[in-house]
Amino acid sequence: MNANLFLETIPKLDIASFKDTDRIRLLKKSHLPFCGSPKKHPFDAEKLFLLADPQGCDPFYYEFHIKDIAFVEELPKIVDIEGRTVSRIRLWIRRGSIATRCTPFLVEGF
């Protein structure tokens, strides 16, 4: 079978660069961005989990207080081979906030 039957021409797309808004510029001075997939905290409604790389080989997550989040940006979703999608966001967290980073490891020795 001829592979050319399945090929199609896609029109050229103009890519618009991200324009740094005044709000983002102000946030950069007083906040830090963290990207990942959000998850509801299992027992504390005032906190949330942010899985930094949900499909990566080095999984870890952050735990943030919701009151420390100043701004949320939606990022492109990740799609795996089976077609499942994972939502991603960028959280802007106030500098000086107390947060938790949890990194799993295999107990073997040091």
Protein backbone atom coordinates (compact mmCIF):
# COMPACT_ATOMS: atom_id res chain seq x y z
CA MET A 1 0.00 0.00 0.00
CA ASN A 2 1.26 3.46 -0.86
CA ALA A 3 2.09 5.59 2.22
CA ASN A 4 1.34 8.79 0.30
CA LEU A 5 -2.38 8.00 0.55
CA PHE A 6 -2.22 8.69 4.30
CA LEU A 7 -0.14 11.85 4.16
CA GLU A 8 -1.80 15.25 4.07
CA THR A 9 -0.54 18.78 3.82
CA ILE A 10 -1.06 20.86 6.96
CA PRO A 11 -1.26 24.63 6.57
CA LYS A 12 1.47 26.72 8.17
CA LEU A 13 0.52 27.89 11.65
CA ASP A 14 1.72 31.18 13.08
CA ILE A 15 2.97 30.70 16.63
CA ALA A 16 2.26 33.56 18.96
CA SER A 17 4.90 34.11 21.62
CA PHE A 18 3.85 34.44 25.26
CA LYS A 19 3.37 38.03 26.22
CA ASP A 20 4.53 38.77 29.74
CA THR A 21 1.66 40.62 31.38
CA ASP A 22 2.05 43.12 34.19
CA ARG A 23 0.48 40.65 36.61
CA ILE A 24 3.07 37.95 35.84
CA ARG A 25 5.92 40.47 36.16
CA LEU A 26 4.66 41.48 39.60
CA LEU A 27 4.20 37.83 40.62
CA LYS A 28 7.81 37.02 39.72
CA LYS A 29 9.00 39.47 42.38
CA SER A 30 6.98 38.01 45.25
CA HIS A 31 6.06 34.45 44.17
CA LEU A 32 7.63 31.31 42.67
CA PRO A 33 6.05 29.07 39.98
CA PHE A 34 5.53 25.32 40.42
CA CYS A 35 4.20 23.14 37.59
CA GLY A 36 2.46 19.80 37.78
CA SER A 37 -0.79 17.91 38.00
CA PRO A 38 -3.11 18.98 40.85
CA LYS A 39 -4.69 16.45 43.19
CA LYS A 40 -7.16 16.96 46.02
CA HIS A 41 -5.66 16.46 49.48
CA PRO A 42 -7.22 13.30 51.00
CA PHE A 43 -8.15 14.78 54.39
CA ASP A 44 -7.27 18.51 54.55
CA ALA A 45 -9.47 20.80 52.44
CA GLU A 46 -7.06 23.72 52.97
CA LYS A 47 -4.17 21.97 51.15
CA LEU A 48 -3.53 20.41 47.74
CA PHE A 49 -1.00 18.08 46.17
CA LEU A 50 0.89 18.99 43.02
CA LEU A 51 2.45 15.97 41.27
CA ALA A 52 5.52 17.46 39.61
CA ASP A 53 5.94 14.82 36.88
CA PRO A 54 3.02 12.37 37.05
CA GLN A 55 4.33 10.06 34.32
CA GLY A 56 8.06 10.48 34.89
CA CYS A 57 10.59 8.04 36.31
CA ASP A 58 11.38 10.24 39.34
CA PRO A 59 7.97 10.85 40.95
CA PHE A 60 7.57 13.40 43.72
CA TYR A 61 4.90 15.79 44.84
CA TYR A 62 4.49 19.10 46.61
CA GLU A 63 1.93 19.89 49.29
CA PHE A 64 0.81 23.54 49.40
CA HIS A 65 -1.63 25.53 51.52
CA ILE A 66 -4.35 26.91 49.27
CA LYS A 67 -4.07 30.32 50.98
CA ASP A 68 -0.47 30.64 49.65
CA ILE A 69 -1.56 30.34 45.98
CA ALA A 70 -1.80 33.72 44.28
CA PHE A 71 -2.41 32.73 40.67
CA VAL A 72 -3.09 29.57 38.65
CA GLU A 73 -2.25 29.07 34.97
CA GLU A 74 -3.57 26.19 32.90
CA LEU A 75 -0.88 24.36 30.90
CA PRO A 76 -1.21 21.95 27.95
CA LYS A 77 -2.36 18.47 28.94
CA ILE A 78 -0.14 15.40 28.75
CA VAL A 79 -1.46 12.46 26.70
CA ASP A 80 -0.08 8.95 27.18
CA ILE A 81 0.06 6.10 24.66
CA GLU A 82 -3.37 4.77 25.74
CA GLY A 83 -4.93 8.20 25.11
CA ARG A 84 -5.45 9.15 28.76
CA THR A 85 -4.92 12.83 29.51
CA VAL A 86 -3.36 14.43 32.56
CA SER A 87 -4.19 18.03 33.44
CA ARG A 88 -1.28 20.34 34.24
CA ILE A 89 -1.20 23.75 35.90
CA ARG A 90 1.33 26.32 37.05
CA LEU A 91 0.84 27.57 40.60
CA TRP A 92 2.35 30.85 41.77
CA ILE A 93 3.21 30.36 45.44
CA ARG A 94 4.04 33.23 47.80
CA ARG A 95 7.73 33.38 48.74
CA GLY A 96 8.39 32.42 52.35
CA SER A 97 5.47 29.98 52.48
CA ILE A 98 5.85 26.66 54.24
CA ALA A 99 5.37 23.72 51.86
CA THR A 100 6.27 20.04 51.76
CA ARG A 101 8.16 18.13 49.08
CA CYS A 102 7.78 14.36 49.26
CA THR A 103 10.21 12.15 47.33
CA PRO A 104 9.76 8.37 47.50
CA PHE A 105 12.87 6.22 47.64
CA LEU A 106 13.82 2.55 47.89
CA VAL A 107 15.10 1.54 51.31
CA GLU A 108 18.37 -0.32 50.71
CA GLY A 109 21.11 1.52 52.53
CA PHE A 110 23.24 4.60 52.29
